[in-house]
């Protein structure tokens, strides 16, 4: 088994706007931490008749979302229009 020993990281503070992570971004894991105000994250996948809905972040309570190493996260909406969210992704 061979491993790539290099992995670039994305870091950003999202404030007053939204960001949508798509497959084209090549993200396999992301951590979100609300530092001020209000913020949410939301998937777009529907399970049978149940649509995805936004989940509120709590100040200073980080959330980590990951996929299988061979698949990228697709259609994750991060909304910091009412606050600031620290983002770390790979």
Protein backbone atom coordinates (compact mmCIF):
# COMPACT_ATOMS: atom_id res chain seq x y z
CA UNK A 1 0.00 0.00 0.00
CA UNK A 2 1.35 3.40 -0.97
CA UNK A 3 0.46 6.67 0.73
CA UNK A 4 0.87 10.19 -0.58
CA UNK A 5 2.75 11.93 2.22
CA UNK A 6 1.63 15.39 1.16
CA UNK A 7 -1.76 16.88 1.83
CA UNK A 8 -2.55 20.53 1.33
CA UNK A 9 -4.84 22.22 3.82
CA UNK A 10 -7.40 25.00 3.34
CA UNK A 11 -7.91 27.49 6.17
CA UNK A 12 -10.30 30.43 6.14
CA UNK A 13 -12.55 32.56 8.33
CA UNK A 14 -15.92 32.90 6.62
CA UNK A 15 -17.83 36.01 7.73
CA UNK A 16 -21.08 37.54 6.52
CA UNK A 17 -21.53 35.22 3.52
CA UNK A 18 -22.01 31.61 2.42
CA UNK A 19 -19.68 29.03 0.90
CA UNK A 20 -20.69 25.88 -0.95
CA UNK A 21 -18.24 22.97 -1.03
CA UNK A 22 -18.57 20.84 -4.17
CA UNK A 23 -16.89 17.72 -5.49
CA UNK A 24 -14.68 19.87 -7.72
CA UNK A 25 -13.03 21.35 -4.59
CA UNK A 26 -11.52 17.95 -3.75
CA UNK A 27 -12.35 18.12 -0.02
CA UNK A 28 -12.46 14.84 1.98
CA UNK A 29 -12.71 16.34 5.49
CA UNK A 30 -13.74 19.70 6.91
CA UNK A 31 -13.92 21.18 10.40
CA UNK A 32 -16.14 24.16 11.21
CA UNK A 33 -16.09 26.32 14.34
CA UNK A 34 -18.44 29.22 14.91
CA UNK A 35 -16.50 32.00 16.63
CA UNK A 36 -19.21 34.67 16.78
CA UNK A 37 -22.85 35.26 15.88
CA UNK A 38 -24.93 32.60 14.12
CA UNK A 39 -24.00 30.07 11.46
CA UNK A 40 -25.29 26.86 9.89
CA UNK A 41 -24.23 24.02 7.65
CA UNK A 42 -26.48 22.00 5.36
CA UNK A 43 -26.25 19.09 2.97
CA UNK A 44 -28.40 18.87 -0.14
CA UNK A 45 -29.02 15.13 -0.24
CA UNK A 46 -32.60 13.93 0.21
CA UNK A 47 -33.40 10.66 1.98
CA UNK A 48 -36.65 9.32 0.57
CA UNK A 49 -39.17 12.12 1.20
CA UNK A 50 -37.04 13.93 3.80
CA UNK A 51 -35.05 16.92 2.55
CA UNK A 52 -31.85 18.12 4.20
CA UNK A 53 -32.23 21.06 6.57
CA UNK A 54 -29.69 23.50 8.05
CA UNK A 55 -28.01 22.59 11.33
CA UNK A 56 -27.03 25.44 13.63
CA UNK A 57 -23.46 25.71 14.83
CA UNK A 58 -22.77 26.56 18.49
CA UNK A 59 -20.07 29.11 19.38
CA UNK A 60 -16.73 27.39 20.15
CA UNK A 61 -18.16 23.87 19.53
CA UNK A 62 -16.33 22.49 16.46
CA UNK A 63 -17.95 20.10 13.99
CA UNK A 64 -16.01 17.73 11.74
CA UNK A 65 -17.43 16.20 8.57
CA UNK A 66 -15.56 13.64 6.50
CA UNK A 67 -16.06 11.26 3.62
CA UNK A 68 -14.32 8.11 2.54
CA UNK A 69 -10.79 8.88 1.36
CA UNK A 70 -11.75 7.95 -2.20
CA UNK A 71 -14.78 10.26 -2.32
CA UNK A 72 -15.11 14.02 -2.06
CA UNK A 73 -17.66 15.99 -0.06
CA UNK A 74 -20.26 17.36 -2.48
CA UNK A 75 -22.86 20.09 -1.96
CA UNK A 76 -22.19 21.18 1.62
CA UNK A 77 -23.49 24.71 2.23
CA UNK A 78 -21.84 26.73 5.00
CA UNK A 79 -23.75 29.87 5.98
CA UNK A 80 -21.96 32.52 8.02
CA UNK A 81 -24.20 35.40 6.92
CA UNK A 82 -24.93 36.13 10.61
CA UNK A 83 -21.52 35.39 12.09
CA UNK A 84 -17.98 34.09 11.61
CA UNK A 85 -16.95 30.47 11.04
CA UNK A 86 -13.37 29.17 11.09
CA UNK A 87 -12.86 26.50 8.42
CA UNK A 88 -10.08 23.93 8.10
CA UNK A 89 -10.35 21.45 5.22
CA UNK A 90 -8.29 18.87 3.40
